Amino acid sequence: AARQGASGVAAIEASRDMVDLARLNIQRNGYADSIRVIHSLSNNVKLPEEEKADVIVSETLGALMLGEGMLDYLSDARRRLARPGAAVIPAGGSQYAMLVMSPSLAMVSSVQSECCKGFDLSAIGSLQDTGNLFFTKQWGFRLNSLPDMVQMSERVKIVEVDFHSTERSNIPATKTFRLEALRDGVIHAVVASWEVWSDRERTHVITTHPEDTRDMPWGFARDMQWGQGLQLVEDFDSASKSDRHAAPAPFVVKAGEALLLTVRFSVPCRQTFQF
């Protein structure tokens, strides 16, 4: 911002270590007179009227687009720390979901018969969690490195926000989407990824879609920083009838089959969600 001509920049950072590094970088690049680093959360900062911002820039993004409180922090900053009509970067973003097939993912928290040396350990399969969303970076792998992953539905936009105006109250607690199976097979998981854009014209776009990071020189770093959300899937109808110690039944579909995907956003914050 200072390089682009801003007369003053207030940089707000909660981490003491990052504050120290930011000040060092500012000094080394000759901007100590125009950039002030504030060690705090932005919602604890107060600015005099003459110092309120014309532009807000934030990277409070997580594996889920709103997972680190981006919506609430920007809403507060627009209201208290900026002038009316201030530009916000990023200007907006969308969270997406997609159904995938991958036998490798099906092996998570399950026991493979060929590894059991004749013992029946199938009861352990009941521990496979199909009710919660996980992050690929927590599991330590890149989704686009799975050689057997196949897209089983079109990618659907589950929420879009305008960071200039959207409030948590604008996002419904539950949304259901109609999808269609693209091919015969087993749906093993739902993959959540996002994209955000710099301005309303979407001049620059950043995404966490796994295919967009696969072969790029910065792709590994982006996948380790953000990655994707991932929720394993089972046959819902079979689960409602089975014993609690039964392993999840595969969700088998036929090409062209109509499917319903329900998203439940966390209440009241809308930061996270489950399928």
C-alpha atoms as a PDB file:
ATOM      1  CA  ALA A   1       0.000   0.000   0.000  1.00  0.00           C
ATOM      2  CA  ALA A   2       2.827   2.386   0.868  1.00  0.00           C
ATOM      3  CA  ARG A   3       4.606   1.572  -2.390  1.00  0.00           C
ATOM      4  CA  GLN A   4       1.403   2.398  -4.278  1.00  0.00           C
ATOM      5  CA  GLY A   5       1.353   5.856  -2.706  1.00  0.00           C
ATOM      6  CA  ALA A   6      -0.667   5.600   0.488  1.00  0.00           C
ATOM      7  CA  SER A   7       0.217   8.492   2.795  1.00  0.00           C
ATOM      8  CA  GLY A   8      -0.189   6.270   5.843  1.00  0.00           C
ATOM      9  CA  VAL A   9      -0.716   2.581   6.528  1.00  0.00           C
ATOM     10  CA  ALA A  10      -1.926   0.981   9.765  1.00  0.00           C
ATOM     11  CA  ALA A  11      -0.954  -2.700   9.788  1.00  0.00           C
ATOM     12  CA  ILE A  12      -2.754  -4.711  12.481  1.00  0.00           C
ATOM     13  CA  GLU A  13      -1.369  -8.083  13.596  1.00  0.00           C
ATOM     14  CA  ALA A  14      -2.217 -10.255  16.618  1.00  0.00           C
ATOM     15  CA  SER A  15       1.011 -12.298  16.701  1.00  0.00           C
ATOM     16  CA  ARG A  16       3.924 -10.712  18.567  1.00  0.00           C
ATOM     17  CA  ASP A  17       6.464 -12.574  16.434  1.00  0.00           C
ATOM     18  CA  MET A  18       4.817 -11.479  13.192  1.00  0.00           C
ATOM     19  CA  VAL A  19       4.705  -7.884  14.426  1.00  0.00           C
ATOM     20  CA  ASP A  20       8.465  -7.965  15.010  1.00  0.00           C
ATOM     21  CA  LEU A  21       9.089  -9.458  11.556  1.00  0.00           C
ATOM     22  CA  ALA A  22       6.774  -6.944   9.901  1.00  0.00           C
ATOM     23  CA  ARG A  23       8.602  -4.030  11.516  1.00  0.00           C
ATOM     24  CA  LEU A  24      11.930  -5.452  10.386  1.00  0.00           C
ATOM     25  CA  ASN A  25      10.692  -5.835   6.801  1.00  0.00           C
ATOM     26  CA  ILE A  26       9.241  -2.323   6.835  1.00  0.00           C
ATOM     27  CA  GLN A  27      12.528  -0.883   8.037  1.00  0.00           C
ATOM     28  CA  ARG A  28      14.575  -2.815   5.477  1.00  0.00           C
ATOM     29  CA  ASN A  29      12.355  -1.551   2.658  1.00  0.00           C
ATOM     30  CA  GLY A  30      12.442   2.083   3.751  1.00  0.00           C
ATOM     31  CA  TYR A  31       8.810   2.561   4.782  1.00  0.00           C
ATOM     32  CA  ALA A  32       9.201   3.089   8.529  1.00  0.00           C
ATOM     33  CA  ASP A  33       7.864   6.650   8.219  1.00  0.00           C
ATOM     34  CA  SER A  34       4.605   5.669   6.496  1.00  0.00           C
ATOM     35  CA  ILE A  35       3.661   2.263   8.001  1.00  0.00           C
ATOM     36  CA  ARG A  36       2.639   1.792  11.620  1.00  0.00           C
ATOM     37  CA  VAL A  37       2.315  -1.761  12.958  1.00  0.00           C
ATOM     38  CA  ILE A  38      -0.259  -2.270  15.728  1.00  0.00           C
ATOM     39  CA  HIS A  39       0.019  -5.368  17.909  1.00  0.00           C
ATOM     40  CA  SER A  40      -3.627  -6.263  18.457  1.00  0.00           C
ATOM     41  CA  LEU A  41      -6.740  -7.841  17.006  1.00  0.00           C
ATOM     42  CA  SER A  42      -8.479  -5.390  14.696  1.00  0.00           C
ATOM     43  CA  ASN A  43     -11.690  -5.485  16.734  1.00  0.00           C
ATOM     44  CA  ASN A  44      -9.744  -4.082  19.705  1.00  0.00           C
ATOM     45  CA  VAL A  45      -8.220  -1.194  17.752  1.00  0.00           C
ATOM     46  CA  LYS A  46      -9.574   2.369  17.811  1.00  0.00           C
ATOM     47  CA  LEU A  47      -8.566   5.009  15.271  1.00  0.00           C
ATOM     48  CA  PRO A  48      -9.183   8.752  15.372  1.00  0.00           C
ATOM     49  CA  GLU A  49     -11.465  10.029  12.626  1.00  0.00           C
ATOM     50  CA  GLU A  50      -8.613  11.523  10.615  1.00  0.00           C
ATOM     51  CA  GLU A  51      -6.776   8.179  10.505  1.00  0.00           C
ATOM     52  CA  LYS A  52      -9.683   6.048   9.310  1.00  0.00           C
ATOM     53  CA  ALA A  53      -8.941   4.031   6.190  1.00  0.00           C
ATOM     54  CA  ASP A  54      -9.877   4.568   2.553  1.00  0.00           C
ATOM     55  CA  VAL A  55      -8.874   0.971   1.773  1.00  0.00           C
ATOM     56  CA  ILE A  56      -9.082  -2.184   3.908  1.00  0.00           C
ATOM     57  CA  VAL A  57      -6.834  -5.121   2.996  1.00  0.00           C
ATOM     58  CA  SER A  58      -7.188  -8.418   4.841  1.00  0.00           C
ATOM     59  CA  GLU A  59      -6.047 -12.029   4.487  1.00  0.00           C
ATOM     60  CA  THR A  60      -8.074 -13.616   7.284  1.00  0.00           C
ATOM     61  CA  LEU A  61      -8.697 -16.686   5.132  1.00  0.00           C
ATOM     62  CA  GLY A  62      -8.510 -20.304   6.208  1.00  0.00           C
ATOM     63  CA  ALA A  63      -9.025 -23.711   4.628  1.00  0.00           C
ATOM     64  CA  LEU A  64     -12.670 -22.591   4.621  1.00  0.00           C
ATOM     65  CA  MET A  65     -13.106 -19.114   3.196  1.00  0.00           C
ATOM     66  CA  LEU A  66     -14.875 -17.740   6.287  1.00  0.00           C
ATOM     67  CA  GLY A  67     -13.297 -20.151   8.761  1.00  0.00           C
ATOM     68  CA  GLU A  68     -11.070 -17.597  10.518  1.00  0.00           C
ATOM     69  CA  GLY A  69     -13.759 -14.978  11.040  1.00  0.00           C
ATOM     70  CA  MET A  70     -13.126 -12.957   7.872  1.00  0.00           C
ATOM     71  CA  LEU A  71     -16.748 -11.831   7.594  1.00  0.00           C
ATOM     72  CA  ASP A  72     -17.009 -10.496  11.146  1.00  0.00           C
ATOM     73  CA  TYR A  73     -13.576  -8.850  11.179  1.00  0.00           C
ATOM     74  CA  LEU A  74     -14.277  -7.007   7.920  1.00  0.00           C
ATOM     75  CA  SER A  75     -17.760  -5.993   9.032  1.00  0.00           C
ATOM     76  CA  ASP A  76     -16.292  -4.464  12.187  1.00  0.00           C
ATOM     77  CA  ALA A  77     -13.441  -2.793  10.296  1.00  0.00           C
ATOM     78  CA  ARG A  78     -15.826  -1.241   7.770  1.00  0.00           C
ATOM     79  CA  ARG A  79     -18.003   0.122  10.549  1.00  0.00           C
ATOM     80  CA  ARG A  80     -15.344   1.448  12.955  1.00  0.00           C
ATOM     81  CA  LEU A  81     -11.971   1.741  11.221  1.00  0.00           C
ATOM     82  CA  ALA A  82     -12.814   2.972   7.723  1.00  0.00           C
ATOM     83  CA  ARG A  83     -14.440   5.903   6.006  1.00  0.00           C
ATOM     84  CA  PRO A  84     -17.817   5.450   4.278  1.00  0.00           C
ATOM     85  CA  GLY A  85     -17.394   3.825   0.876  1.00  0.00           C
ATOM     86  CA  ALA A  86     -13.937   2.429   1.646  1.00  0.00           C
ATOM     87  CA  ALA A  87     -12.650  -0.186  -0.786  1.00  0.00           C
ATOM     88  CA  VAL A  88     -12.168  -3.703   0.567  1.00  0.00           C
ATOM     89  CA  ILE A  89      -9.552  -6.143  -0.727  1.00  0.00           C
ATOM     90  CA  PRO A  90     -10.504  -8.884  -1.381  1.00  0.00           C
ATOM     91  CA  ALA A  91     -13.811  -7.532  -2.628  1.00  0.00           C
ATOM     92  CA  GLY A  92     -15.647 -10.840  -2.486  1.00  0.00           C
ATOM     93  CA  GLY A  93     -15.438 -14.582  -2.651  1.00  0.00           C
ATOM     94  CA  SER A  94     -17.280 -17.864  -3.099  1.00  0.00           C
ATOM     95  CA  GLN A  95     -17.149 -21.167  -1.239  1.00  0.00           C
ATOM     96  CA  TYR A  96     -17.607 -24.272  -3.380  1.00  0.00           C
ATOM     97  CA  ALA A  97     -18.260 -27.975  -2.870  1.00  0.00           C
ATOM     98  CA  MET A  98     -17.722 -30.974  -5.150  1.00  0.00           C
ATOM     99  CA  LEU A  99     -18.326 -34.726  -4.833  1.00  0.00           C
ATOM    100  CA  VAL A 100     -15.365 -37.004  -5.543  1.00  0.00           C
ATOM    101  CA  MET A 101     -14.483 -40.685  -5.776  1.00  0.00           C
ATOM    102  CA  SER A 102     -11.141 -41.895  -4.421  1.00  0.00           C
ATOM    103  CA  PRO A 103     -10.527 -45.394  -2.984  1.00  0.00           C
ATOM    104  CA  SER A 104      -7.487 -43.903  -1.247  1.00  0.00           C
ATOM    105  CA  LEU A 105      -9.738 -41.584   0.781  1.00  0.00           C
ATOM    106  CA  ALA A 106     -11.979 -44.537   1.660  1.00  0.00           C
ATOM    107  CA  MET A 107      -9.030 -46.099   3.507  1.00  0.00           C
ATOM    108  CA  VAL A 108      -8.951 -43.290   6.086  1.00  0.00           C
ATOM    109  CA  SER A 109      -9.878 -44.655   9.555  1.00  0.00           C
ATOM    110  CA  SER A 110     -10.779 -48.035   8.053  1.00  0.00           C
ATOM    111  CA  VAL A 111      -9.156 -51.458   8.070  1.00  0.00           C
ATOM    112  CA  GLN A 112      -8.294 -53.198   4.829  1.00  0.00           C
ATOM    113  CA  SER A 113      -8.886 -56.950   4.857  1.00  0.00           C
ATOM    114  CA  GLU A 114      -5.602 -57.653   3.097  1.00  0.00           C
ATOM    115  CA  CYS A 115      -3.749 -56.096   6.033  1.00  0.00           C
ATOM    116  CA  CYS A 116      -5.468 -58.114   8.782  1.00  0.00           C
ATOM    117  CA  LYS A 117      -3.612 -61.457   8.447  1.00  0.00           C
ATOM    118  CA  GLY A 118      -6.848 -63.422   8.704  1.00  0.00           C
ATOM    119  CA  PHE A 119      -8.358 -61.493  11.642  1.00  0.00           C
ATOM    120  CA  ASP A 120     -11.775 -59.838  11.389  1.00  0.00           C
ATOM    121  CA  LEU A 121     -11.151 -56.234  12.433  1.00  0.00           C
ATOM    122  CA  SER A 122     -14.051 -54.759  10.493  1.00  0.00           C
ATOM    123  CA  ALA A 123     -15.596 -53.225  13.644  1.00  0.00           C
ATOM    124  CA  ILE A 124     -12.858 -50.590  13.580  1.00  0.00           C
ATOM    125  CA  GLY A 125     -14.509 -49.231  10.434  1.00  0.00           C
ATOM    126  CA  SER A 126     -17.308 -47.821  12.609  1.00  0.00           C
ATOM    127  CA  LEU A 127     -14.806 -45.182  13.769  1.00  0.00           C
ATOM    128  CA  GLN A 128     -14.643 -43.638  10.309  1.00  0.00           C
ATOM    129  CA  ASP A 129     -15.967 -40.089  10.742  1.00  0.00           C
ATOM    130  CA  THR A 130     -18.457 -39.100   8.051  1.00  0.00           C
ATOM    131  CA  GLY A 131     -20.064 -36.335  10.110  1.00  0.00           C
ATOM    132  CA  ASN A 132     -17.293 -33.753  10.335  1.00  0.00           C
ATOM    133  CA  LEU A 133     -15.276 -31.668   7.934  1.00  0.00           C
ATOM    134  CA  PHE A 134     -11.484 -32.061   8.041  1.00  0.00           C
ATOM    135  CA  PHE A 135      -8.676 -30.137   6.378  1.00  0.00           C
ATOM    136  CA  THR A 136      -6.269 -31.800   3.970  1.00  0.00           C
ATOM    137  CA  LYS A 137      -3.327 -29.946   5.509  1.00  0.00           C
ATOM    138  CA  GLN A 138      -4.189 -31.499   8.895  1.00  0.00           C
ATOM    139  CA  TRP A 139      -3.896 -34.924   7.302  1.00  0.00           C
ATOM    140  CA  GLY A 140      -0.622 -33.888   5.684  1.00  0.00           C
ATOM    141  CA  PHE A 141      -1.381 -34.505   2.023  1.00  0.00           C
ATOM    142  CA  ARG A 142      -2.276 -32.665  -1.157  1.00  0.00           C
ATOM    143  CA  LEU A 143      -5.624 -33.650  -2.609  1.00  0.00           C
ATOM    144  CA  ASN A 144      -4.295 -33.237  -6.143  1.00  0.00           C
ATOM    145  CA  SER A 145      -1.612 -35.832  -5.415  1.00  0.00           C
ATOM    146  CA  LEU A 146      -4.178 -38.651  -5.192  1.00  0.00           C
ATOM    147  CA  PRO A 147      -3.838 -40.620  -8.469  1.00  0.00           C
ATOM    148  CA  ASP A 148      -7.291 -42.197  -8.133  1.00  0.00           C
ATOM    149  CA  MET A 149      -9.410 -39.101  -7.400  1.00  0.00           C
ATOM    150  CA  VAL A 150     -12.269 -38.628  -9.876  1.00  0.00           C
ATOM    151  CA  GLN A 151     -14.771 -35.775  -9.976  1.00  0.00           C
ATOM    152  CA  MET A 152     -18.284 -37.164  -9.419  1.00  0.00           C
ATOM    153  CA  SER A 153     -20.333 -33.952  -9.671  1.00  0.00           C
ATOM    154  CA  GLU A 154     -20.056 -30.424 -10.947  1.00  0.00           C
ATOM    155  CA  ARG A 155     -18.559 -27.979  -8.475  1.00  0.00           C
ATOM    156  CA  VAL A 156     -21.417 -26.078  -6.821  1.00  0.00           C
ATOM    157  CA  LYS A 157     -21.250 -22.623  -5.251  1.00  0.00           C
ATOM    158  CA  ILE A 158     -22.620 -22.979  -1.710  1.00  0.00           C
ATOM    159  CA  VAL A 159     -22.206 -19.338  -0.691  1.00  0.00           C
ATOM    160  CA  GLU A 160     -20.988 -16.065  -2.217  1.00  0.00           C
ATOM    161  CA  VAL A 161     -20.129 -12.981  -0.193  1.00  0.00           C
ATOM    162  CA  ASP A 162     -19.432  -9.328  -0.911  1.00  0.00           C
ATOM    163  CA  PHE A 163     -16.875  -8.230   1.663  1.00  0.00           C
ATOM    164  CA  HIS A 164     -18.139  -4.655   1.272  1.00  0.00           C
ATOM    165  CA  SER A 165     -21.572  -5.508   2.639  1.00  0.00           C
ATOM    166  CA  THR A 166     -22.295  -9.138   3.555  1.00  0.00           C
ATOM    167  CA  GLU A 167     -23.117  -9.849   7.187  1.00  0.00           C
ATOM    168  CA  ARG A 168     -23.398 -13.254   8.866  1.00  0.00           C
ATOM    169  CA  SER A 169     -27.178 -12.758   9.030  1.00  0.00           C
ATOM    170  CA  ASN A 170     -27.267 -12.826   5.210  1.00  0.00           C
ATOM    171  CA  ILE A 171     -26.143 -16.470   5.148  1.00  0.00           C
ATOM    172  CA  PRO A 172     -28.890 -19.030   5.853  1.00  0.00           C
ATOM    173  CA  ALA A 173     -28.199 -21.756   8.389  1.00  0.00           C
ATOM    174  CA  THR A 174     -29.077 -24.528   5.916  1.00  0.00           C
ATOM    175  CA  LYS A 175     -29.004 -24.769   2.126  1.00  0.00           C
ATOM    176  CA  THR A 176     -29.749 -27.757  -0.133  1.00  0.00           C
ATOM    177  CA  PHE A 177     -28.409 -28.146  -3.670  1.00  0.00           C
ATOM    178  CA  ARG A 178     -29.435 -30.481  -6.486  1.00  0.00           C
ATOM    179  CA  LEU A 179     -26.531 -32.268  -8.154  1.00  0.00           C
ATOM    180  CA  GLU A 180     -26.197 -34.978 -10.763  1.00  0.00           C
ATOM    181  CA  ALA A 181     -23.754 -37.887 -10.690  1.00  0.00           C
ATOM    182  CA  LEU A 182     -21.355 -37.498 -13.614  1.00  0.00           C
ATOM    183  CA  ARG A 183     -20.528 -41.223 -13.846  1.00  0.00           C
ATOM    184  CA  ASP A 184     -21.084 -44.606 -12.239  1.00  0.00           C
ATOM    185  CA  GLY A 185     -19.081 -45.186  -9.081  1.00  0.00           C
ATOM    186  CA  VAL A 186     -18.808 -44.558  -5.356  1.00  0.00           C
ATOM    187  CA  ILE A 187     -18.856 -41.083  -3.838  1.00  0.00           C
ATOM    188  CA  HIS A 188     -16.242 -41.132  -1.104  1.00  0.00           C
ATOM    189  CA  ALA A 189     -16.072 -37.488  -0.069  1.00  0.00           C
ATOM    190  CA  VAL A 190     -17.182 -33.878  -0.472  1.00  0.00           C
ATOM    191  CA  VAL A 191     -14.351 -31.439  -1.225  1.00  0.00           C
ATOM    192  CA  ALA A 192     -14.693 -27.786  -0.173  1.00  0.00           C
ATOM    193  CA  SER A 193     -12.573 -25.108  -1.855  1.00  0.00           C
ATOM    194  CA  TRP A 194     -12.911 -21.385  -2.428  1.00  0.00           C
ATOM    195  CA  GLU A 195     -11.983 -18.460  -4.607  1.00  0.00           C
ATOM    196  CA  VAL A 196     -11.668 -14.770  -3.761  1.00  0.00           C
ATOM    197  CA  TRP A 197     -11.247 -11.784  -6.051  1.00  0.00           C
ATOM    198  CA  SER A 198      -9.468  -8.455  -5.750  1.00  0.00           C
ATOM    199  CA  ASP A 199     -12.239  -6.124  -6.923  1.00  0.00           C
ATOM    200  CA  ARG A 200     -15.781  -6.206  -8.240  1.00  0.00           C
ATOM    201  CA  GLU A 201     -14.436  -6.692 -11.770  1.00  0.00           C
ATOM    202  CA  ARG A 202     -12.546  -9.782 -10.524  1.00  0.00           C
ATOM    203  CA  THR A 203      -9.316  -8.525 -12.050  1.00  0.00           C
ATOM    204  CA  HIS A 204      -7.294 -10.955  -9.925  1.00  0.00           C
ATOM    205  CA  VAL A 205      -8.609 -14.244  -8.509  1.00  0.00           C
ATOM    206  CA  ILE A 206      -7.046 -16.641  -5.987  1.00  0.00           C
ATOM    207  CA  THR A 207      -8.466 -20.157  -5.634  1.00  0.00           C
ATOM    208  CA  THR A 208      -7.840 -23.264  -3.560  1.00  0.00           C
ATOM    209  CA  HIS A 209      -9.365 -25.627  -6.129  1.00  0.00           C
ATOM    210  CA  PRO A 210      -6.993 -28.620  -6.193  1.00  0.00           C
ATOM    211  CA  GLU A 211      -6.569 -28.589  -9.975  1.00  0.00           C
ATOM    212  CA  ASP A 212      -5.473 -24.932  -9.868  1.00  0.00           C
ATOM    213  CA  THR A 213      -2.546 -25.595  -7.523  1.00  0.00           C
ATOM    214  CA  ARG A 214      -1.336 -28.900  -9.009  1.00  0.00           C
ATOM    215  CA  ASP A 215       1.434 -27.766 -11.341  1.00  0.00           C
ATOM    216  CA  MET A 216       2.124 -24.219 -10.204  1.00  0.00           C
ATOM    217  CA  PRO A 217       5.444 -23.265  -8.554  1.00  0.00           C
ATOM    218  CA  TRP A 218       3.525 -21.797  -5.591  1.00  0.00           C
ATOM    219  CA  GLY A 219       1.010 -24.644  -5.496  1.00  0.00           C
ATOM    220  CA  PHE A 220       2.606 -26.670  -2.699  1.00  0.00           C
ATOM    221  CA  ALA A 221       2.885 -23.627  -0.430  1.00  0.00           C
ATOM    222  CA  ARG A 222      -0.774 -22.702  -1.052  1.00  0.00           C
ATOM    223  CA  ASP A 223      -1.944 -26.247  -0.322  1.00  0.00           C
ATOM    224  CA  MET A 224       0.030 -26.304   2.919  1.00  0.00           C
ATOM    225  CA  GLN A 225      -1.234 -22.847   3.919  1.00  0.00           C
ATOM    226  CA  TRP A 226      -4.896 -23.427   3.060  1.00  0.00           C
ATOM    227  CA  GLY A 227      -5.559 -26.701   1.267  1.00  0.00           C
ATOM    228  CA  GLN A 228      -9.161 -27.885   1.071  1.00  0.00           C
ATOM    229  CA  GLY A 229     -11.947 -28.985   3.371  1.00  0.00           C
ATOM    230  CA  LEU A 230     -12.861 -32.662   3.152  1.00  0.00           C
ATOM    231  CA  GLN A 231     -15.791 -34.654   4.523  1.00  0.00           C
ATOM    232  CA  LEU A 232     -16.068 -38.398   4.013  1.00  0.00           C
ATOM    233  CA  VAL A 233     -19.396 -39.717   2.768  1.00  0.00           C
ATOM    234  CA  GLU A 234     -21.470 -42.833   3.464  1.00  0.00           C
ATOM    235  CA  ASP A 235     -24.845 -44.103   2.259  1.00  0.00           C
ATOM    236  CA  PHE A 236     -27.233 -42.103   4.440  1.00  0.00           C
ATOM    237  CA  ASP A 237     -30.168 -44.496   4.034  1.00  0.00           C
ATOM    238  CA  SER A 238     -28.062 -47.499   5.037  1.00  0.00           C
ATOM    239  CA  ALA A 239     -26.590 -45.634   8.006  1.00  0.00           C
ATOM    240  CA  SER A 240     -30.031 -44.910   9.434  1.00  0.00           C
ATOM    241  CA  LYS A 241     -30.830 -48.645   9.476  1.00  0.00           C
ATOM    242  CA  SER A 242     -27.486 -50.164  10.480  1.00  0.00           C
ATOM    243  CA  ASP A 243     -25.971 -51.150  13.818  1.00  0.00           C
ATOM    244  CA  ARG A 244     -23.862 -48.441  15.498  1.00  0.00           C
ATOM    245  CA  HIS A 245     -20.791 -50.701  15.228  1.00  0.00           C
ATOM    246  CA  ALA A 246     -21.209 -51.231  11.480  1.00  0.00           C
ATOM    247  CA  ALA A 247     -18.700 -49.690   9.095  1.00  0.00           C
ATOM    248  CA  PRO A 248     -20.049 -46.938   6.799  1.00  0.00           C
ATOM    249  CA  ALA A 249     -21.760 -48.344   3.700  1.00  0.00           C
ATOM    250  CA  PRO A 250     -20.393 -47.083   0.356  1.00  0.00           C
ATOM    251  CA  PHE A 251     -22.523 -44.451  -1.379  1.00  0.00           C
ATOM    252  CA  VAL A 252     -22.926 -46.032  -4.825  1.00  0.00           C
ATOM    253  CA  VAL A 253     -24.360 -43.895  -7.628  1.00  0.00           C
ATOM    254  CA  LYS A 254     -25.208 -44.221 -11.319  1.00  0.00           C
ATOM    255  CA  ALA A 255     -24.389 -41.660 -13.996  1.00  0.00           C
ATOM    256  CA  GLY A 256     -27.202 -39.126 -14.260  1.00  0.00           C
ATOM    257  CA  GLU A 257     -28.612 -39.957 -10.834  1.00  0.00           C
ATOM    258  CA  ALA A 258     -30.135 -36.936  -9.053  1.00  0.00           C
ATOM    259  CA  LEU A 259     -28.476 -36.148  -5.715  1.00  0.00           C
ATOM    260  CA  LEU A 260     -29.195 -33.716  -2.899  1.00  0.00           C
ATOM    261  CA  LEU A 261     -26.348 -32.018  -1.027  1.00  0.00           C
ATOM    262  CA  THR A 262     -27.341 -30.246   2.200  1.00  0.00           C
ATOM    263  CA  VAL A 263     -24.977 -27.727   3.808  1.00  0.00           C
ATOM    264  CA  ARG A 264     -25.403 -26.717   7.444  1.00  0.00           C
ATOM    265  CA  PHE A 265     -23.522 -23.580   8.458  1.00  0.00           C
ATOM    266  CA  SER A 266     -22.368 -23.083  12.034  1.00  0.00           C
ATOM    267  CA  VAL A 267     -24.660 -21.038  14.257  1.00  0.00           C
ATOM    268  CA  PRO A 268     -24.427 -18.161  14.921  1.00  0.00           C
ATOM    269  CA  CYS A 269     -21.094 -17.329  13.278  1.00  0.00           C
ATOM    270  CA  ARG A 270     -21.493 -19.014   9.843  1.00  0.00           C
ATOM    271  CA  GLN A 271     -17.726 -19.529   9.767  1.00  0.00           C
ATOM    272  CA  THR A 272     -17.753 -23.307   9.228  1.00  0.00           C
ATOM    273  CA  PHE A 273     -20.151 -25.885   7.853  1.00  0.00           C
ATOM    274  CA  GLN A 274     -20.905 -29.592   7.496  1.00  0.00           C
ATOM    275  CA  PHE A 275     -22.557 -31.635   4.757  1.00  0.00           C
END
